[in-house]
Amino acid sequence: MADYKSSSESRSEGINILQGRFLPDSQPKDSSIARQLHLEVNLSNLSQELSELLLSKHKDYGPKNISLAPGGAINGLRVRMHDKLARINNLVDSGASPEHESLEDSFKDMANYAIIGLLVLRGKWDNE
C-alpha cells in the first residue's frame, strides 16, 4: 500500500523546501527551482481556498441558480462575470474603497464562475 501524505503535510513539506531546508547547500535559495516551488505552493493553496469558497457558496445557492438562469447556464455565468468585471473596473478606475466586497473577493468570484463554466461545458454541473 502506498504511503500518501495529507494536503497539509504536502504543503508543509513544500514550505520547508521553500525555506531552503531541503535544498542542497550548493543551490541558492532564490534559484529557479525555489521560485517554481513557491509558485506551486501558492497555486495549491489558492486552488484549495477557491474550492472551499465555491463549495460553501454552492451549499447556499444550490445548482439551479446556474442551471436555470435565464438564457441558460452559460448566459447566466456571462452576466455574473460581466457584473464582477464592471465592479472591478469601477473600483480600480475610481480608486474607491469597497463597502461590501473587496477586490480580492471579486476576483475569487470571477475565478469560481470560470470553473463553474468549465463544469457546465463538460456536462459536470449538477442540474437538479
N, C-alpha and C. Protein backbone atom coordinates (compact mmCIF):
# COMPACT_ATOMS: atom_id res chain seq x y z
N MET A 1 0.84 -1.18 0.00
CA MET A 1 0.00 0.00 0.00
C MET A 1 0.89 1.24 0.00
N ALA A 2 0.54 2.21 -0.83
CA ALA A 2 1.33 3.44 -0.93
C ALA A 2 1.14 4.28 0.31
N ASP A 3 2.16 5.03 0.64
CA ASP A 3 2.12 5.94 1.78
C ASP A 3 1.80 7.33 1.26
N TYR A 4 0.56 7.77 1.43
CA TYR A 4 0.14 9.07 0.92
C TYR A 4 0.20 10.10 2.04
N LYS A 5 0.52 11.32 1.64
CA LYS A 5 0.59 12.43 2.58
C LYS A 5 -0.69 13.24 2.50
N SER A 6 -1.12 13.78 3.62
CA SER A 6 -2.25 14.68 3.60
C SER A 6 -1.85 15.97 2.90
N SER A 7 -2.86 16.76 2.49
CA SER A 7 -2.54 18.02 1.81
C SER A 7 -1.77 18.95 2.73
N SER A 8 -2.07 18.93 4.03
CA SER A 8 -1.33 19.80 4.95
C SER A 8 0.11 19.34 5.10
N GLU A 9 0.34 18.01 5.07
CA GLU A 9 1.72 17.51 5.14
C GLU A 9 2.48 17.89 3.88
N SER A 10 1.83 17.77 2.73
CA SER A 10 2.48 18.15 1.47
C SER A 10 2.78 19.63 1.45
N ARG A 11 1.81 20.44 1.91
CA ARG A 11 2.00 21.88 1.93
C ARG A 11 3.15 22.23 2.86
N SER A 12 3.20 21.58 4.03
CA SER A 12 4.28 21.83 4.98
C SER A 12 5.62 21.46 4.38
N GLU A 13 5.67 20.33 3.67
CA GLU A 13 6.92 19.93 3.03
C GLU A 13 7.33 20.96 1.99
N GLY A 14 6.36 21.46 1.22
CA GLY A 14 6.65 22.49 0.22
C GLY A 14 7.21 23.75 0.85
N ILE A 15 6.65 24.12 1.99
CA ILE A 15 7.14 25.30 2.69
C ILE A 15 8.56 25.05 3.18
N ASN A 16 8.82 23.86 3.70
CA ASN A 16 10.18 23.53 4.14
C ASN A 16 11.15 23.62 2.97
N ILE A 17 10.74 23.13 1.82
CA ILE A 17 11.60 23.21 0.64
C ILE A 17 11.86 24.67 0.30
N LEU A 18 10.81 25.48 0.35
CA LEU A 18 10.96 26.90 0.01
C LEU A 18 11.87 27.61 0.99
N GLN A 19 11.83 27.21 2.23
CA GLN A 19 12.68 27.85 3.22
C GLN A 19 14.12 27.34 3.14
N GLY A 20 14.39 26.47 2.18
CA GLY A 20 15.74 26.01 1.96
C GLY A 20 16.15 24.83 2.80
N ARG A 21 15.22 24.23 3.51
CA ARG A 21 15.59 23.13 4.38
C ARG A 21 15.99 21.88 3.62
N PHE A 22 15.47 21.72 2.39
CA PHE A 22 15.79 20.53 1.61
C PHE A 22 16.60 20.84 0.37
N LEU A 23 16.95 22.09 0.17
CA LEU A 23 17.77 22.45 -0.98
C LEU A 23 19.23 22.13 -0.68
N PRO A 24 19.95 21.57 -1.63
CA PRO A 24 21.39 21.31 -1.41
C PRO A 24 22.12 22.62 -1.11
N ASP A 25 23.21 22.52 -0.35
CA ASP A 25 23.97 23.71 0.02
C ASP A 25 24.44 24.49 -1.19
N SER A 26 24.72 23.79 -2.29
CA SER A 26 25.21 24.47 -3.49
C SER A 26 24.09 25.19 -4.24
N GLN A 27 22.84 24.92 -3.88
CA GLN A 27 21.69 25.51 -4.58
C GLN A 27 21.29 26.80 -3.88
N PRO A 28 21.38 27.96 -4.56
CA PRO A 28 20.95 29.20 -3.92
C PRO A 28 19.45 29.16 -3.64
N LYS A 29 19.05 29.76 -2.53
CA LYS A 29 17.65 29.71 -2.12
C LYS A 29 16.74 30.51 -3.04
N ASP A 30 17.29 31.41 -3.86
CA ASP A 30 16.45 32.20 -4.76
C ASP A 30 16.53 31.63 -6.18
N SER A 31 16.86 30.37 -6.30
CA SER A 31 17.02 29.73 -7.61
C SER A 31 15.67 29.57 -8.30
N SER A 32 15.74 29.22 -9.58
CA SER A 32 14.51 29.00 -10.33
C SER A 32 13.73 27.83 -9.77
N ILE A 33 14.40 26.84 -9.20
CA ILE A 33 13.70 25.71 -8.58
C ILE A 33 12.89 26.19 -7.38
N ALA A 34 13.49 27.00 -6.54
CA ALA A 34 12.78 27.52 -5.37
C ALA A 34 11.63 28.41 -5.80
N ARG A 35 11.83 29.23 -6.83
CA ARG A 35 10.74 30.09 -7.32
C ARG A 35 9.60 29.25 -7.87
N GLN A 36 9.93 28.18 -8.59
CA GLN A 36 8.90 27.29 -9.14
C GLN A 36 8.12 26.62 -8.01
N LEU A 37 8.82 26.14 -7.00
CA LEU A 37 8.15 25.52 -5.86
C LEU A 37 7.27 26.53 -5.12
N HIS A 38 7.77 27.73 -4.99
CA HIS A 38 6.99 28.79 -4.36
C HIS A 38 5.69 29.01 -5.12
N LEU A 39 5.77 29.08 -6.45
CA LEU A 39 4.57 29.26 -7.27
C LEU A 39 3.64 28.07 -7.10
N GLU A 40 4.18 26.85 -7.10
CA GLU A 40 3.35 25.66 -6.97
C GLU A 40 2.62 25.63 -5.63
N VAL A 41 3.31 25.99 -4.56
CA VAL A 41 2.68 26.02 -3.23
C VAL A 41 1.59 27.09 -3.20
N ASN A 42 1.87 28.28 -3.75
CA ASN A 42 0.87 29.34 -3.77
C ASN A 42 -0.35 28.95 -4.60
N LEU A 43 -0.12 28.32 -5.77
CA LEU A 43 -1.24 27.87 -6.59
C LEU A 43 -2.06 26.81 -5.89
N SER A 44 -1.39 25.90 -5.23
CA SER A 44 -2.10 24.84 -4.50
C SER A 44 -2.95 25.44 -3.38
N ASN A 45 -2.37 26.36 -2.63
CA ASN A 45 -3.12 27.00 -1.54
C ASN A 45 -4.30 27.79 -2.08
N LEU A 46 -4.10 28.53 -3.16
CA LEU A 46 -5.18 29.33 -3.73
C LEU A 46 -6.27 28.43 -4.30
N SER A 47 -5.88 27.36 -4.96
CA SER A 47 -6.87 26.41 -5.50
C SER A 47 -7.73 25.84 -4.39
N GLN A 48 -7.10 25.49 -3.28
CA GLN A 48 -7.84 24.97 -2.13
C GLN A 48 -8.80 26.02 -1.58
N GLU A 49 -8.33 27.25 -1.47
CA GLU A 49 -9.17 28.35 -0.97
C GLU A 49 -10.37 28.57 -1.88
N LEU A 50 -10.13 28.59 -3.20
CA LEU A 50 -11.23 28.78 -4.15
C LEU A 50 -12.22 27.63 -4.09
N SER A 51 -11.71 26.41 -3.97
CA SER A 51 -12.59 25.23 -3.89
C SER A 51 -13.48 25.31 -2.65
N GLU A 52 -12.90 25.65 -1.53
CA GLU A 52 -13.67 25.75 -0.29
C GLU A 52 -14.75 26.83 -0.40
N LEU A 53 -14.41 27.96 -1.01
CA LEU A 53 -15.38 29.04 -1.19
C LEU A 53 -16.50 28.60 -2.13
N LEU A 54 -16.15 27.97 -3.23
CA LEU A 54 -17.16 27.51 -4.20
C LEU A 54 -18.09 26.50 -3.56
N LEU A 55 -17.55 25.54 -2.83
CA LEU A 55 -18.39 24.54 -2.17
C LEU A 55 -19.31 25.18 -1.12
N SER A 56 -18.78 26.12 -0.37
CA SER A 56 -19.58 26.81 0.64
C SER A 56 -20.73 27.59 0.01
N LYS A 57 -20.43 28.33 -1.05
CA LYS A 57 -21.48 29.10 -1.72
C LYS A 57 -22.48 28.18 -2.42
N HIS A 58 -21.99 27.05 -2.94
CA HIS A 58 -22.87 26.10 -3.61
C HIS A 58 -23.91 25.55 -2.64
N LYS A 59 -23.52 25.38 -1.37
CA LYS A 59 -24.47 24.93 -0.34
C LYS A 59 -25.57 25.97 -0.15
N ASP A 60 -25.22 27.24 -0.22
CA ASP A 60 -26.20 28.31 -0.03
C ASP A 60 -27.12 28.47 -1.24
N TYR A 61 -26.53 28.44 -2.44
CA TYR A 61 -27.28 28.73 -3.66
C TYR A 61 -27.90 27.49 -4.30
N GLY A 62 -27.24 26.36 -4.21
CA GLY A 62 -27.67 25.17 -4.93
C GLY A 62 -27.31 25.29 -6.40
N PRO A 63 -27.53 24.23 -7.18
CA PRO A 63 -27.11 24.24 -8.58
C PRO A 63 -28.06 24.99 -9.52
N LYS A 64 -29.31 25.14 -9.11
CA LYS A 64 -30.30 25.69 -10.04
C LYS A 64 -30.11 27.17 -10.32
N ASN A 65 -29.41 27.90 -9.45
CA ASN A 65 -29.18 29.31 -9.75
C ASN A 65 -28.33 29.46 -11.01
N ILE A 66 -27.57 28.44 -11.35
CA ILE A 66 -26.78 28.44 -12.58
C ILE A 66 -27.56 27.74 -13.69
N SER A 67 -28.01 26.52 -13.42
CA SER A 67 -28.61 25.71 -14.48
C SER A 67 -29.92 26.28 -14.99
N LEU A 68 -30.66 27.00 -14.17
CA LEU A 68 -31.94 27.57 -14.60
C LEU A 68 -31.87 29.08 -14.86
N ALA A 69 -30.68 29.59 -15.06
CA ALA A 69 -30.52 31.03 -15.34
C ALA A 69 -31.23 31.38 -16.65
N PRO A 70 -31.86 32.56 -16.70
CA PRO A 70 -32.49 32.98 -17.96
C PRO A 70 -31.47 32.97 -19.10
N GLY A 71 -31.83 32.32 -20.19
CA GLY A 71 -30.93 32.22 -21.32
C GLY A 71 -29.97 31.06 -21.22
N GLY A 72 -30.04 30.29 -20.13
CA GLY A 72 -29.18 29.13 -19.94
C GLY A 72 -28.02 29.40 -19.01
N ALA A 73 -27.38 28.33 -18.64
CA ALA A 73 -26.30 28.40 -17.65
C ALA A 73 -25.14 29.30 -18.11
N ILE A 74 -24.69 29.12 -19.35
CA ILE A 74 -23.56 29.92 -19.83
C ILE A 74 -23.93 31.39 -19.89
N ASN A 75 -25.14 31.70 -20.34
CA ASN A 75 -25.56 33.10 -20.37
C ASN A 75 -25.61 33.68 -18.95
N GLY A 76 -26.13 32.91 -18.01
CA GLY A 76 -26.17 33.37 -16.62
C GLY A 76 -24.78 33.66 -16.07
N LEU A 77 -23.84 32.78 -16.41
CA LEU A 77 -22.45 32.99 -15.97
C LEU A 77 -21.84 34.22 -16.64
N ARG A 78 -22.15 34.42 -17.92
CA ARG A 78 -21.65 35.61 -18.63
C ARG A 78 -22.13 36.88 -17.95
N VAL A 79 -23.40 36.90 -17.57
CA VAL A 79 -23.95 38.09 -16.90
C VAL A 79 -23.26 38.31 -15.56
N ARG A 80 -23.12 37.24 -14.78
CA ARG A 80 -22.46 37.37 -13.48
C ARG A 80 -21.01 37.84 -13.62
N MET A 81 -20.30 37.26 -14.60
CA MET A 81 -18.90 37.64 -14.82
C MET A 81 -18.79 39.08 -15.33
N HIS A 82 -19.73 39.48 -16.17
CA HIS A 82 -19.74 40.86 -16.65
C HIS A 82 -19.93 41.83 -15.48
N ASP A 83 -20.88 41.50 -14.60
CA ASP A 83 -21.13 42.35 -13.44
C ASP A 83 -19.89 42.45 -12.55
N LYS A 84 -19.21 41.32 -12.32
CA LYS A 84 -18.00 41.34 -11.48
C LYS A 84 -16.90 42.17 -12.13
N LEU A 85 -16.73 42.01 -13.45
CA LEU A 85 -15.69 42.78 -14.14
C LEU A 85 -16.01 44.27 -14.10
N ALA A 86 -17.28 44.62 -14.27
CA ALA A 86 -17.68 46.03 -14.18
C ALA A 86 -17.38 46.57 -12.77
N ARG A 87 -17.63 45.78 -11.76
CA ARG A 87 -17.35 46.19 -10.38
C ARG A 87 -15.85 46.38 -10.17
N ILE A 88 -15.06 45.43 -10.65
CA ILE A 88 -13.60 45.53 -10.54
C ILE A 88 -13.11 46.78 -11.25
N ASN A 89 -13.57 46.99 -12.47
CA ASN A 89 -13.15 48.16 -13.24
C ASN A 89 -13.52 49.45 -12.53
N ASN A 90 -14.72 49.52 -11.99
CA ASN A 90 -15.16 50.73 -11.30
C ASN A 90 -14.29 51.00 -10.07
N LEU A 91 -14.04 49.97 -9.28
CA LEU A 91 -13.24 50.16 -8.06
C LEU A 91 -11.80 50.56 -8.40
N VAL A 92 -11.22 49.92 -9.41
CA VAL A 92 -9.84 50.24 -9.78
C VAL A 92 -9.77 51.63 -10.40
N ASP A 93 -10.67 51.93 -11.34
CA ASP A 93 -10.63 53.22 -12.04
C ASP A 93 -10.94 54.40 -11.13
N SER A 94 -11.86 54.19 -10.19
CA SER A 94 -12.26 55.29 -9.30
C SER A 94 -11.35 55.41 -8.09
N GLY A 95 -10.65 54.34 -7.75
CA GLY A 95 -9.82 54.34 -6.54
C GLY A 95 -10.64 54.26 -5.27
N ALA A 96 -11.92 53.99 -5.41
CA ALA A 96 -12.82 53.93 -4.26
C ALA A 96 -12.54 52.69 -3.42
N SER A 97 -12.82 52.82 -2.13
CA SER A 97 -12.72 51.67 -1.24
C SER A 97 -14.07 50.96 -1.24
N PRO A 98 -14.07 49.65 -1.46
CA PRO A 98 -15.35 48.93 -1.49
C PRO A 98 -16.00 48.91 -0.11
N GLU A 99 -17.32 49.00 -0.12
CA GLU A 99 -18.06 48.97 1.14
C GLU A 99 -18.52 47.57 1.51
N HIS A 100 -18.67 46.69 0.50
CA HIS A 100 -19.27 45.38 0.79
C HIS A 100 -18.39 44.20 0.41
N GLU A 101 -17.56 44.34 -0.58
CA GLU A 101 -16.83 43.19 -1.09
C GLU A 101 -15.51 43.69 -1.66
N SER A 102 -14.41 43.10 -1.22
CA SER A 102 -13.09 43.55 -1.64
C SER A 102 -12.81 43.16 -3.09
N LEU A 103 -11.76 43.77 -3.64
CA LEU A 103 -11.32 43.36 -4.97
C LEU A 103 -10.95 41.88 -4.97
N GLU A 104 -10.30 41.43 -3.92
CA GLU A 104 -9.95 40.02 -3.83
C GLU A 104 -11.19 39.14 -3.90
N ASP A 105 -12.24 39.53 -3.19
CA ASP A 105 -13.49 38.76 -3.23
C ASP A 105 -14.05 38.71 -4.65
N SER A 106 -13.99 39.83 -5.35
CA SER A 106 -14.50 39.88 -6.73
C SER A 106 -13.69 38.98 -7.65
N PHE A 107 -12.37 38.98 -7.51
CA PHE A 107 -11.53 38.11 -8.33
C PHE A 107 -11.77 36.63 -8.00
N LYS A 108 -11.98 36.32 -6.73
CA LYS A 108 -12.29 34.94 -6.36
C LYS A 108 -13.60 34.50 -7.01
N ASP A 109 -14.60 35.37 -6.98
CA ASP A 109 -15.88 35.04 -7.62
C ASP A 109 -15.70 34.82 -9.12
N MET A 110 -14.92 35.69 -9.77
CA MET A 110 -14.67 35.53 -11.21
C MET A 110 -14.00 34.18 -11.49
N ALA A 111 -13.01 33.83 -10.69
CA ALA A 111 -12.32 32.55 -10.88
C ALA A 111 -13.29 31.39 -10.72
N ASN A 112 -14.13 31.46 -9.72
CA ASN A 112 -15.08 30.37 -9.49
C ASN A 112 -16.16 30.33 -10.57
N TYR A 113 -16.59 31.48 -11.09
CA TYR A 113 -17.53 31.46 -12.22
C TYR A 113 -16.89 30.79 -13.42
N ALA A 114 -15.60 31.02 -13.65
CA ALA A 114 -14.90 30.37 -14.76
C ALA A 114 -14.86 28.86 -14.54
N ILE A 115 -14.61 28.43 -13.32
CA ILE A 115 -14.60 27.00 -13.01
C ILE A 115 -15.98 26.39 -13.23
N ILE A 116 -17.02 27.08 -12.77
CA ILE A 116 -18.39 26.60 -13.00
C ILE A 116 -18.65 26.50 -14.50
N GLY A 117 -18.21 27.51 -15.25
CA GLY A 117 -18.40 27.50 -16.70
C GLY A 117 -17.76 26.26 -17.34
N LEU A 118 -16.57 25.91 -16.89
CA LEU A 118 -15.91 24.70 -17.41
C LEU A 118 -16.70 23.45 -17.05
N LEU A 119 -17.22 23.40 -15.82
CA LEU A 119 -18.04 22.26 -15.41
C LEU A 119 -19.30 22.16 -16.26
N VAL A 120 -19.93 23.30 -16.54
CA VAL A 120 -21.13 23.31 -17.38
C VAL A 120 -20.79 22.81 -18.77
N LEU A 121 -19.72 23.34 -19.38
CA LEU A 121 -19.33 22.93 -20.73
C LEU A 121 -19.01 21.44 -20.81
N ARG A 122 -18.46 20.90 -19.75
CA ARG A 122 -18.08 19.48 -19.73
C ARG A 122 -19.23 18.57 -19.30
N GLY A 123 -20.40 19.17 -19.02
CA GLY A 123 -21.55 18.38 -18.60
C GLY A 123 -21.43 17.84 -17.20
N LYS A 124 -20.65 18.50 -16.35
CA LYS A 124 -20.40 18.03 -14.99
C LYS A 124 -21.12 18.85 -13.93
N TRP A 125 -21.87 19.88 -14.34
CA TRP A 125 -22.59 20.71 -13.38
C TRP A 125 -23.94 20.05 -13.09
N ASP A 126 -24.24 19.86 -11.83
CA ASP A 126 -25.49 19.23 -11.42
C ASP A 126 -26.66 20.14 -11.76
N ASN A 127 -27.63 19.61 -12.47
CA ASN A 127 -28.79 20.40 -12.88
C ASN A 127 -30.00 20.18 -11.98
N GLU A 128 -29.87 19.37 -10.95
CA GLU A 128 -31.03 19.04 -10.13
C GLU A 128 -30.95 19.65 -8.77
